[in-house]
Amino acid sequence: MIRSASLLAAGLLALGAVAVPHQAEAKGCIKGAIVGGLAGKVVGHGKAGAAAGCAVGHHNANKKASQAQGQ
């Protein structure tokens, strides 16, 4: 029961972070950290998954922004 409650809380936190109308300073990091953290939690490495997800999300956001500027 505790595990499902913490997973529900993490999901609600993720939904709240994505629904915030302003953009974060590190674009892509929040969304990537949420996805990576949830995936990492499944295999027992939530913090490492969140860190990796943040890095990948930030990289993808930068790549998308540079492609948009190039056009």
PDB file of N, CA and C in Angstrom:
ATOM      1  N   MET A   1       0.821  -1.195   0.000  1.00  0.00           N
ATOM      2  CA  MET A   1       0.000   0.000   0.000  1.00  0.00           C
ATOM      3  C   MET A   1       0.858   1.249   0.000  1.00  0.00           C
ATOM      4  N   ILE A   2       1.952   1.244   0.759  1.00  0.00           N
ATOM      5  CA  ILE A   2       2.820   2.419   0.822  1.00  0.00           C
ATOM      6  C   ILE A   2       3.459   2.678  -0.530  1.00  0.00           C
ATOM      7  N   ARG A   3       3.873   1.608  -1.208  1.00  0.00           N
ATOM      8  CA  ARG A   3       4.524   1.770  -2.509  1.00  0.00           C
ATOM      9  C   ARG A   3       3.571   2.389  -3.526  1.00  0.00           C
ATOM     10  N   SER A   4       2.330   1.937  -3.539  1.00  0.00           N
ATOM     11  CA  SER A   4       1.366   2.498  -4.489  1.00  0.00           C
ATOM     12  C   SER A   4       1.033   3.946  -4.135  1.00  0.00           C
ATOM     13  N   ALA A   5       1.013   4.273  -2.855  1.00  0.00           N
ATOM     14  CA  ALA A   5       0.756   5.652  -2.442  1.00  0.00           C
ATOM     15  C   ALA A   5       1.901   6.562  -2.859  1.00  0.00           C
ATOM     16  N   SER A   6       3.138   6.084  -2.733  1.00  0.00           N
ATOM     17  CA  SER A   6       4.265   6.920  -3.138  1.00  0.00           C
ATOM     18  C   SER A   6       4.317   7.062  -4.652  1.00  0.00           C
ATOM     19  N   LEU A   7       3.929   6.023  -5.375  1.00  0.00           N
ATOM     20  CA  LEU A   7       3.875   6.110  -6.827  1.00  0.00           C
ATOM     21  C   LEU A   7       2.783   7.080  -7.268  1.00  0.00           C
ATOM     22  N   LEU A   8       1.660   7.059  -6.586  1.00  0.00           N
ATOM     23  CA  LEU A   8       0.574   7.997  -6.874  1.00  0.00           C
ATOM     24  C   LEU A   8       1.027   9.426  -6.581  1.00  0.00           C
ATOM     25  N   ALA A   9       1.706   9.620  -5.466  1.00  0.00           N
ATOM     26  CA  ALA A   9       2.199  10.953  -5.122  1.00  0.00           C
ATOM     27  C   ALA A   9       3.194  11.445  -6.162  1.00  0.00           C
ATOM     28  N   ALA A  10       4.075  10.576  -6.621  1.00  0.00           N
ATOM     29  CA  ALA A  10       5.039  10.960  -7.651  1.00  0.00           C
ATOM     30  C   ALA A  10       4.328  11.312  -8.954  1.00  0.00           C
ATOM     31  N   GLY A  11       3.306  10.576  -9.300  1.00  0.00           N
ATOM     32  CA  GLY A  11       2.540  10.867 -10.500  1.00  0.00           C
ATOM     33  C   GLY A  11       1.821  12.205 -10.413  1.00  0.00           C
ATOM     34  N   LEU A  12       1.251  12.495  -9.264  1.00  0.00           N
ATOM     35  CA  LEU A  12       0.576  13.780  -9.081  1.00  0.00           C
ATOM     36  C   LEU A  12       1.564  14.939  -9.112  1.00  0.00           C
ATOM     37  N   LEU A  13       2.745  14.720  -8.529  1.00  0.00           N
ATOM     38  CA  LEU A  13       3.789  15.735  -8.575  1.00  0.00           C
ATOM     39  C   LEU A  13       4.235  15.962 -10.014  1.00  0.00           C
ATOM     40  N   ALA A  14       4.369  14.887 -10.768  1.00  0.00           N
ATOM     41  CA  ALA A  14       4.757  15.003 -12.177  1.00  0.00           C
ATOM     42  C   ALA A  14       3.704  15.771 -12.960  1.00  0.00           C
ATOM     43  N   LEU A  15       2.469  15.467 -12.731  1.00  0.00           N
ATOM     44  CA  LEU A  15       1.382  16.161 -13.419  1.00  0.00           C
ATOM     45  C   LEU A  15       1.385  17.637 -13.063  1.00  0.00           C
ATOM     46  N   GLY A  16       1.613  17.942 -11.809  1.00  0.00           N
ATOM     47  CA  GLY A  16       1.665  19.337 -11.376  1.00  0.00           C
ATOM     48  C   GLY A  16       2.837  20.082 -11.985  1.00  0.00           C
ATOM     49  N   ALA A  17       3.980  19.423 -12.086  1.00  0.00           N
ATOM     50  CA  ALA A  17       5.162  20.076 -12.653  1.00  0.00           C
ATOM     51  C   ALA A  17       4.993  20.332 -14.141  1.00  0.00           C
ATOM     52  N   VAL A  18       4.345  19.425 -14.842  1.00  0.00           N
ATOM     53  CA  VAL A  18       4.137  19.592 -16.276  1.00  0.00           C
ATOM     54  C   VAL A  18       3.062  20.646 -16.535  1.00  0.00           C
ATOM     55  N   ALA A  19       2.095  20.764 -15.650  1.00  0.00           N
ATOM     56  CA  ALA A  19       0.979  21.681 -15.859  1.00  0.00           C
ATOM     57  C   ALA A  19       1.311  23.125 -15.493  1.00  0.00           C
ATOM     58  N   VAL A  20       2.482  23.378 -14.933  1.00  0.00           N
ATOM     59  CA  VAL A  20       2.864  24.742 -14.554  1.00  0.00           C
ATOM     60  C   VAL A  20       2.987  25.587 -15.816  1.00  0.00           C
ATOM     61  N   PRO A  21       2.364  26.745 -15.869  1.00  0.00           N
ATOM     62  CA  PRO A  21       2.340  27.520 -17.102  1.00  0.00           C
ATOM     63  C   PRO A  21       3.671  28.160 -17.493  1.00  0.00           C
ATOM     64  N   HIS A  22       4.559  28.422 -16.545  1.00  0.00           N
ATOM     65  CA  HIS A  22       5.831  29.041 -16.908  1.00  0.00           C
ATOM     66  C   HIS A  22       6.863  27.980 -17.271  1.00  0.00           C
ATOM     67  N   GLN A  23       7.862  28.383 -18.044  1.00  0.00           N
ATOM     68  CA  GLN A  23       8.890  27.434 -18.465  1.00  0.00           C
ATOM     69  C   GLN A  23      10.008  27.414 -17.438  1.00  0.00           C
ATOM     70  N   ALA A  24      10.578  26.259 -17.243  1.00  0.00           N
ATOM     71  CA  ALA A  24      11.686  26.122 -16.307  1.00  0.00           C
ATOM     72  C   ALA A  24      12.962  26.671 -16.932  1.00  0.00           C
ATOM     73  N   GLU A  25      13.921  26.997 -16.097  1.00  0.00           N
ATOM     74  CA  GLU A  25      15.203  27.497 -16.580  1.00  0.00           C
ATOM     75  C   GLU A  25      15.911  26.442 -17.416  1.00  0.00           C
ATOM     76  N   ALA A  26      15.939  25.228 -16.935  1.00  0.00           N
ATOM     77  CA  ALA A  26      16.582  24.141 -17.663  1.00  0.00           C
ATOM     78  C   ALA A  26      15.512  23.392 -18.452  1.00  0.00           C
ATOM     79  N   LYS A  27      15.330  23.790 -19.690  1.00  0.00           N
ATOM     80  CA  LYS A  27      14.269  23.195 -20.496  1.00  0.00           C
ATOM     81  C   LYS A  27      14.480  21.696 -20.649  1.00  0.00           C
ATOM     82  N   GLY A  28      13.428  20.949 -20.500  1.00  0.00           N
ATOM     83  CA  GLY A  28      13.474  19.513 -20.678  1.00  0.00           C
ATOM     84  C   GLY A  28      13.901  18.748 -19.441  1.00  0.00           C
ATOM     85  N   CYS A  29      14.534  19.414 -18.507  1.00  0.00           N
ATOM     86  CA  CYS A  29      15.068  18.719 -17.330  1.00  0.00           C
ATOM     87  C   CYS A  29      13.955  18.184 -16.439  1.00  0.00           C
ATOM     88  N   ILE A  30      12.960  18.976 -16.183  1.00  0.00           N
ATOM     89  CA  ILE A  30      11.903  18.547 -15.262  1.00  0.00           C
ATOM     90  C   ILE A  30      11.152  17.351 -15.830  1.00  0.00           C
ATOM     91  N   LYS A  31      10.744  17.471 -17.079  1.00  0.00           N
ATOM     92  CA  LYS A  31       9.999  16.370 -17.702  1.00  0.00           C
ATOM     93  C   LYS A  31      10.864  15.108 -17.770  1.00  0.00           C
ATOM     94  N   GLY A  32      12.125  15.255 -18.157  1.00  0.00           N
ATOM     95  CA  GLY A  32      13.025  14.104 -18.234  1.00  0.00           C
ATOM     96  C   GLY A  32      13.294  13.488 -16.875  1.00  0.00           C
ATOM     97  N   ALA A  33      13.435  14.336 -15.865  1.00  0.00           N
ATOM     98  CA  ALA A  33      13.691  13.834 -14.517  1.00  0.00           C
ATOM     99  C   ALA A  33      12.495  13.060 -13.977  1.00  0.00           C
ATOM    100  N   ILE A  34      11.306  13.527 -14.291  1.00  0.00           N
ATOM    101  CA  ILE A  34      10.100  12.828 -13.832  1.00  0.00           C
ATOM    102  C   ILE A  34      10.004  11.453 -14.487  1.00  0.00           C
ATOM    103  N   VAL A  35      10.163  11.427 -15.793  1.00  0.00           N
ATOM    104  CA  VAL A  35      10.071  10.157 -16.514  1.00  0.00           C
ATOM    105  C   VAL A  35      11.205   9.221 -16.089  1.00  0.00           C
ATOM    106  N   GLY A  36      12.429   9.748 -16.040  1.00  0.00           N
ATOM    107  CA  GLY A  36      13.568   8.926 -15.634  1.00  0.00           C
ATOM    108  C   GLY A  36      13.473   8.455 -14.199  1.00  0.00           C
ATOM    109  N   GLY A  37      12.974   9.310 -13.327  1.00  0.00           N
ATOM    110  CA  GLY A  37      12.822   8.930 -11.917  1.00  0.00           C
ATOM    111  C   GLY A  37      11.801   7.831 -11.723  1.00  0.00           C
ATOM    112  N   LEU A  38      10.687   7.932 -12.446  1.00  0.00           N
ATOM    113  CA  LEU A  38       9.667   6.883 -12.330  1.00  0.00           C
ATOM    114  C   LEU A  38      10.168   5.567 -12.924  1.00  0.00           C
ATOM    115  N   ALA A  39      10.857   5.660 -14.067  1.00  0.00           N
ATOM    116  CA  ALA A  39      11.397   4.442 -14.659  1.00  0.00           C
ATOM    117  C   ALA A  39      12.495   3.858 -13.776  1.00  0.00           C
ATOM    118  N   GLY A  40      13.329   4.720 -13.215  1.00  0.00           N
ATOM    119  CA  GLY A  40      14.393   4.246 -12.328  1.00  0.00           C
ATOM    120  C   GLY A  40      13.855   3.651 -11.050  1.00  0.00           C
ATOM    121  N   LYS A  41      12.755   4.176 -10.562  1.00  0.00           N
ATOM    122  CA  LYS A  41      12.156   3.650  -9.331  1.00  0.00           C
ATOM    123  C   LYS A  41      11.686   2.214  -9.526  1.00  0.00           C
ATOM    124  N   VAL A  42      11.215   1.912 -10.734  1.00  0.00           N
ATOM    125  CA  VAL A  42      10.747   0.554 -11.025  1.00  0.00           C
ATOM    126  C   VAL A  42      11.885  -0.446 -10.870  1.00  0.00           C
ATOM    127  N   VAL A  43      13.091  -0.061 -11.303  1.00  0.00           N
ATOM    128  CA  VAL A  43      14.229  -0.981 -11.215  1.00  0.00           C
ATOM    129  C   VAL A  43      15.079  -0.737  -9.972  1.00  0.00           C
ATOM    130  N   GLY A  44      14.679   0.207  -9.114  1.00  0.00           N
ATOM    131  CA  GLY A  44      15.372   0.410  -7.851  1.00  0.00           C
ATOM    132  C   GLY A  44      16.437   1.490  -7.858  1.00  0.00           C
ATOM    133  N   HIS A  45      16.478   2.311  -8.889  1.00  0.00           N
ATOM    134  CA  HIS A  45      17.481   3.375  -8.969  1.00  0.00           C
ATOM    135  C   HIS A  45      16.812   4.685  -9.361  1.00  0.00           C
ATOM    136  N   GLY A  46      15.905   5.161  -8.518  1.00  0.00           N
ATOM    137  CA  GLY A  46      15.114   6.346  -8.828  1.00  0.00           C
ATOM    138  C   GLY A  46      15.933   7.611  -8.996  1.00  0.00           C
ATOM    139  N   LYS A  47      16.903   7.834  -8.102  1.00  0.00           N
ATOM    140  CA  LYS A  47      17.700   9.061  -8.179  1.00  0.00           C
ATOM    141  C   LYS A  47      18.587   9.071  -9.411  1.00  0.00           C
ATOM    142  N   ALA A  48      19.199   7.944  -9.716  1.00  0.00           N
ATOM    143  CA  ALA A  48      20.042   7.862 -10.909  1.00  0.00           C
ATOM    144  C   ALA A  48      19.199   8.031 -12.170  1.00  0.00           C
ATOM    145  N   GLY A  49      18.016   7.470 -12.176  1.00  0.00           N
ATOM    146  CA  GLY A  49      17.116   7.618 -13.315  1.00  0.00           C
ATOM    147  C   GLY A  49      16.679   9.056 -13.501  1.00  0.00           C
ATOM    148  N   ALA A  50      16.424   9.746 -12.393  1.00  0.00           N
ATOM    149  CA  ALA A  50      16.029  11.151 -12.482  1.00  0.00           C
ATOM    150  C   ALA A  50      17.171  12.005 -13.018  1.00  0.00           C
ATOM    151  N   ALA A  51      18.382  11.745 -12.569  1.00  0.00           N
ATOM    152  CA  ALA A  51      19.544  12.509 -13.047  1.00  0.00           C
ATOM    153  C   ALA A  51      19.779  12.263 -14.536  1.00  0.00           C
ATOM    154  N   ALA A  52      19.717  11.016 -14.940  1.00  0.00           N
ATOM    155  CA  ALA A  52      19.915  10.692 -16.353  1.00  0.00           C
ATOM    156  C   ALA A  52      18.778  11.259 -17.204  1.00  0.00           C
ATOM    157  N   GLY A  53      17.555  11.170 -16.716  1.00  0.00           N
ATOM    158  CA  GLY A  53      16.414  11.716 -17.441  1.00  0.00           C
ATOM    159  C   GLY A  53      16.514  13.218 -17.610  1.00  0.00           C
ATOM    160  N   CYS A  54      17.009  13.903 -16.585  1.00  0.00           N
ATOM    161  CA  CYS A  54      17.205  15.350 -16.665  1.00  0.00           C
ATOM    162  C   CYS A  54      18.226  15.681 -17.743  1.00  0.00           C
ATOM    163  N   ALA A  55      19.331  14.960 -17.760  1.00  0.00           N
ATOM    164  CA  ALA A  55      20.383  15.207 -18.747  1.00  0.00           C
ATOM    165  C   ALA A  55      19.872  14.963 -20.171  1.00  0.00           C
ATOM    166  N   VAL A  56      19.173  13.870 -20.370  1.00  0.00           N
ATOM    167  CA  VAL A  56      18.656  13.545 -21.705  1.00  0.00           C
ATOM    168  C   VAL A  56      17.591  14.551 -22.125  1.00  0.00           C
ATOM    169  N   GLY A  57      16.699  14.903 -21.219  1.00  0.00           N
ATOM    170  CA  GLY A  57      15.653  15.871 -21.544  1.00  0.00           C
ATOM    171  C   GLY A  57      16.226  17.236 -21.895  1.00  0.00           C
ATOM    172  N   HIS A  58      17.241  17.662 -21.155  1.00  0.00           N
ATOM    173  CA  HIS A  58      17.890  18.948 -21.422  1.00  0.00           C
ATOM    174  C   HIS A  58      18.595  18.919 -22.777  1.00  0.00           C
ATOM    175  N   HIS A  59      19.265  17.811 -23.062  1.00  0.00           N
ATOM    176  CA  HIS A  59      19.957  17.664 -24.345  1.00  0.00           C
ATOM    177  C   HIS A  59      18.970  17.725 -25.510  1.00  0.00           C
ATOM    178  N   ASN A  60      17.874  16.990 -25.387  1.00  0.00           N
ATOM    179  CA  ASN A  60      16.870  16.979 -26.450  1.00  0.00           C
ATOM    180  C   ASN A  60      16.230  18.347 -26.651  1.00  0.00           C
ATOM    181  N   ALA A  61      15.989  19.068 -25.560  1.00  0.00           N
ATOM    182  CA  ALA A  61      15.406  20.409 -25.669  1.00  0.00           C
ATOM    183  C   ALA A  61      16.378  21.357 -26.366  1.00  0.00           C
ATOM    184  N   ASN A  62      17.666  21.258 -26.049  1.00  0.00           N
ATOM    185  CA  ASN A  62      18.666  22.103 -26.706  1.00  0.00           C
ATOM    186  C   ASN A  62      18.772  21.772 -28.189  1.00  0.00           C
ATOM    187  N   LYS A  63      18.742  20.488 -28.507  1.00  0.00           N
ATOM    188  CA  LYS A  63      18.827  20.069 -29.907  1.00  0.00           C
ATOM    189  C   LYS A  63      17.628  20.586 -30.692  1.00  0.00           C
ATOM    190  N   LYS A  64      16.439  20.493 -30.106  1.00  0.00           N
ATOM    191  CA  LYS A  64      15.230  20.971 -30.764  1.00  0.00           C
ATOM    192  C   LYS A  64      15.280  22.490 -30.958  1.00  0.00           C
ATOM    193  N   ALA A  65      15.791  23.213 -29.966  1.00  0.00           N
ATOM    194  CA  ALA A  65      15.881  24.664 -30.062  1.00  0.00           C
ATOM    195  C   ALA A  65      16.881  25.084 -31.134  1.00  0.00           C
ATOM    196  N   SER A  66      17.997  24.384 -31.227  1.00  0.00           N
ATOM    197  CA  SER A  66      18.998  24.748 -32.240  1.00  0.00           C
ATOM    198  C   SER A  66      18.480  24.434 -33.645  1.00  0.00           C
ATOM    199  N   GLN A  67      17.708  23.372 -33.796  1.00  0.00           N
ATOM    200  CA  GLN A  67      17.112  23.073 -35.097  1.00  0.00           C
ATOM    201  C   GLN A  67      16.087  24.133 -35.492  1.00  0.00           C
ATOM    202  N   ALA A  68      15.349  24.627 -34.512  1.00  0.00           N
ATOM    203  CA  ALA A  68      14.343  25.653 -34.785  1.00  0.00           C
ATOM    204  C   ALA A  68      15.011  26.972 -35.176  1.00  0.00           C
ATOM    205  N   GLN A  69      16.163  27.280 -34.587  1.00  0.00           N
ATOM    206  CA  GLN A  69      16.876  28.511 -34.924  1.00  0.00           C
ATOM    207  C   GLN A  69      17.502  28.422 -36.308  1.00  0.00           C
ATOM    208  N   GLY A  70      17.911  27.224 -36.707  1.00  0.00           N
ATOM    209  CA  GLY A  70      18.555  27.029 -37.990  1.00  0.00           C
ATOM    210  C   GLY A  70      17.619  27.174 -39.164  1.00  0.00           C
ATOM    211  N   GLN A  71      16.351  27.054 -38.932  1.00  0.00           N
ATOM    212  CA  GLN A  71      15.387  27.106 -40.048  1.00  0.00           C
ATOM    213  C   GLN A  71      15.004  28.501 -40.409  1.00  0.00           C
TER     214      GLN A  71
END
